Amino acid sequence: MKVLVCGYGNPFRTDDGVGHVLAQGAAEAARSLGWEAEVRLEHQLLPEMAEEFGGFDLLIFADARVPGTGGGEGFDIREISPDPSIEGLNIHSVGPEWVLALAAKIWGKVPPAVLVSVEGESFDFGEGLTEVCKKRVSLALAALKERLTGYRK
């Protein structure tokens, strides 16, 4: 199984950088299952990424989310599908579903995709995650590893 993990966010805005941390952990989880995992870290999702998706069996997107936008555990893991609607007028508002839709146009189909998002506490300027966010990362990665076993080929 070949997995691409896309972590995005700004590591210089404290918890907004959680996507980069999650991506590394998700790749380690995939490798622990004997899979090949490639990591791509960006500040935001880019349309060019869609060209890469055809060579993978599973895509994992990792990002931060603002407080109060998800479940009680402070993280969310869900399957996502292509969606060509753009939520705004610029590239900053493009989500993984939009990039998947672009990939579907290029490749005719896309591999299964999962979004892992962790709620941040602070998005101020600074490096490193808050302690609360670090705990949520640990919980999210444990849940993700358990979920990944269902994708075994």
Protein backbone atom coordinates (compact mmCIF):
# COMPACT_ATOMS: atom_id res chain seq x y z
CA MET A 1 0.00 0.00 0.00
CA LYS A 2 1.37 3.39 -1.02
CA VAL A 3 0.17 6.39 1.01
CA LEU A 4 0.57 10.14 0.50
CA VAL A 5 0.20 12.23 3.63
CA CYS A 6 -0.39 15.96 3.05
CA GLY A 7 0.10 18.09 6.14
CA TYR A 8 -0.75 21.74 5.78
CA GLY A 9 -0.82 24.84 7.96
CA ASN A 10 1.57 27.48 9.21
CA PRO A 11 4.12 26.15 11.74
CA PHE A 12 4.93 29.76 12.71
CA ARG A 13 1.37 30.30 14.02
CA THR A 14 1.53 27.87 16.99
CA ASP A 15 -1.28 25.28 16.67
CA ASP A 16 -1.91 26.09 13.00
CA GLY A 17 1.23 24.01 12.42
CA VAL A 18 -0.42 20.87 13.79
CA GLY A 19 -0.96 19.55 10.26
CA HIS A 20 2.80 19.16 9.85
CA VAL A 21 3.08 17.24 13.13
CA LEU A 22 0.06 15.09 12.32
CA ALA A 23 1.44 14.29 8.87
CA GLN A 24 4.70 12.95 10.27
CA GLY A 25 2.81 10.85 12.82
CA ALA A 26 0.35 9.56 10.21
CA ALA A 27 3.25 8.51 8.00
CA GLU A 28 4.83 6.65 10.92
CA ALA A 29 1.50 4.92 11.60
CA ALA A 30 1.26 3.84 7.96
CA ARG A 31 4.85 2.58 7.96
CA SER A 32 4.20 0.58 11.14
CA LEU A 33 1.61 -1.34 9.09
CA GLY A 34 4.26 -2.15 6.50
CA TRP A 35 3.10 0.47 4.02
CA GLU A 36 5.14 2.93 2.00
CA ALA A 37 4.38 6.50 3.08
CA GLU A 38 5.41 9.79 1.50
CA VAL A 39 4.93 13.09 3.33
CA ARG A 40 4.25 16.47 1.79
CA LEU A 41 4.22 19.55 4.06
CA GLU A 42 2.79 22.84 2.83
CA HIS A 43 1.38 26.09 4.20
CA GLN A 44 -1.79 25.47 2.17
CA LEU A 45 -3.15 22.98 -0.31
CA LEU A 46 -2.05 23.65 -3.87
CA PRO A 47 -3.78 22.70 -7.14
CA GLU A 48 -0.51 21.19 -8.39
CA MET A 49 -0.81 18.48 -5.73
CA ALA A 50 -3.67 16.90 -7.68
CA GLU A 51 -1.23 15.63 -10.30
CA GLU A 52 0.49 13.48 -7.67
CA PHE A 53 -2.55 11.67 -6.31
CA GLY A 54 -2.86 9.09 -9.09
CA GLY A 55 0.20 7.18 -7.91
CA PHE A 56 -1.16 6.38 -4.44
CA ASP A 57 -3.55 3.89 -2.86
CA LEU A 58 -4.60 6.16 0.01
CA LEU A 59 -4.43 9.88 0.69
CA ILE A 60 -4.32 11.38 4.18
CA PHE A 61 -4.80 15.11 4.72
CA ALA A 62 -3.81 16.63 8.08
CA ASP A 63 -4.82 20.08 9.28
CA ALA A 64 -5.75 22.25 12.24
CA ARG A 65 -9.26 23.42 12.97
CA VAL A 66 -10.56 26.25 15.08
CA PRO A 67 -11.98 25.63 18.57
CA GLY A 68 -15.57 24.50 18.83
CA THR A 69 -15.87 23.09 15.30
CA GLY A 70 -15.84 19.39 16.03
CA GLY A 71 -16.29 16.54 18.44
CA GLY A 72 -15.66 16.51 22.15
CA GLU A 73 -12.26 14.83 21.88
CA GLY A 74 -10.73 17.78 20.02
CA PHE A 75 -10.05 15.92 16.80
CA ASP A 76 -11.90 14.49 13.83
CA ILE A 77 -11.08 11.73 11.37
CA ARG A 78 -13.35 11.31 8.40
CA GLU A 79 -13.38 10.04 4.86
CA ILE A 80 -13.65 12.75 2.26
CA SER A 81 -14.71 12.76 -1.38
CA PRO A 82 -14.13 15.05 -4.34
CA ASP A 83 -16.17 18.25 -4.24
CA PRO A 84 -15.52 20.86 -6.94
CA SER A 85 -17.21 23.73 -5.12
CA ILE A 86 -14.81 26.41 -3.93
CA GLU A 87 -15.62 28.00 -0.60
CA GLY A 88 -14.14 31.36 -1.55
CA LEU A 89 -12.45 33.34 -4.24
CA ASN A 90 -8.82 32.56 -3.48
CA ILE A 91 -6.54 29.59 -3.00
CA HIS A 92 -6.47 30.07 0.80
CA SER A 93 -10.03 28.79 1.07
CA VAL A 94 -9.54 25.64 -1.01
CA GLY A 95 -10.09 22.44 0.96
CA PRO A 96 -8.88 18.90 0.28
CA GLU A 97 -12.21 17.97 -1.32
CA TRP A 98 -11.64 20.59 -4.03
CA VAL A 99 -8.12 19.30 -4.75
CA LEU A 100 -9.54 15.77 -4.90
CA ALA A 101 -12.10 16.96 -7.47
CA LEU A 102 -9.28 18.39 -9.56
CA ALA A 103 -7.40 15.08 -9.28
CA ALA A 104 -10.53 13.21 -10.37
CA LYS A 105 -10.60 15.34 -13.54
CA ILE A 106 -6.96 14.54 -14.22
CA TRP A 107 -6.95 10.83 -13.36
CA GLY A 108 -10.60 9.88 -13.87
CA LYS A 109 -10.77 8.70 -10.25
CA VAL A 110 -9.07 9.26 -6.91
CA PRO A 111 -7.89 6.89 -4.21
CA PRO A 112 -9.70 6.80 -0.86
CA ALA A 113 -8.96 9.92 1.19
CA VAL A 114 -9.08 10.70 4.89
CA LEU A 115 -8.97 14.06 6.64
CA VAL A 116 -7.49 14.23 10.14
CA SER A 117 -8.06 17.55 11.87
CA VAL A 118 -7.07 18.58 15.37
CA GLU A 119 -8.53 21.52 17.22
CA GLY A 120 -5.99 24.20 18.07
CA GLU A 121 -5.98 26.41 21.14
CA SER A 122 -3.77 29.22 19.85
CA PHE A 123 -3.11 30.56 16.37
CA ASP A 124 -0.86 33.41 17.50
CA PHE A 125 2.63 33.95 16.12
CA GLY A 126 5.06 31.45 17.59
CA GLU A 127 6.62 28.05 17.00
CA GLY A 128 5.49 24.80 18.57
CA LEU A 129 2.15 23.43 19.63
CA THR A 130 0.33 24.19 22.85
CA GLU A 131 0.26 21.38 25.43
CA VAL A 132 -3.48 20.86 24.89
CA CYS A 133 -2.96 20.50 21.14
CA LYS A 134 -0.11 18.02 21.69
CA LYS A 135 -2.43 15.81 23.75
CA ARG A 136 -5.06 15.95 21.02
CA VAL A 137 -2.43 14.94 18.45
CA SER A 138 -1.62 11.82 20.48
CA LEU A 139 -5.29 10.87 20.70
CA ALA A 140 -5.87 11.56 16.99
CA LEU A 141 -2.86 9.51 15.87
CA ALA A 142 -3.88 6.53 18.01
CA ALA A 143 -7.38 6.66 16.51
CA LEU A 144 -5.98 7.07 12.99
CA LYS A 145 -3.69 4.06 13.31
CA GLU A 146 -6.64 1.94 14.40
CA ARG A 147 -8.69 3.20 11.47
CA LEU A 148 -5.91 2.60 8.94
CA THR A 149 -6.02 -1.15 9.59
CA GLY A 150 -9.37 -1.11 7.75
CA TYR A 151 -7.63 0.05 4.56
CA ARG A 152 -5.31 -2.93 4.31
CA LYS A 153 -5.12 -4.36 0.80
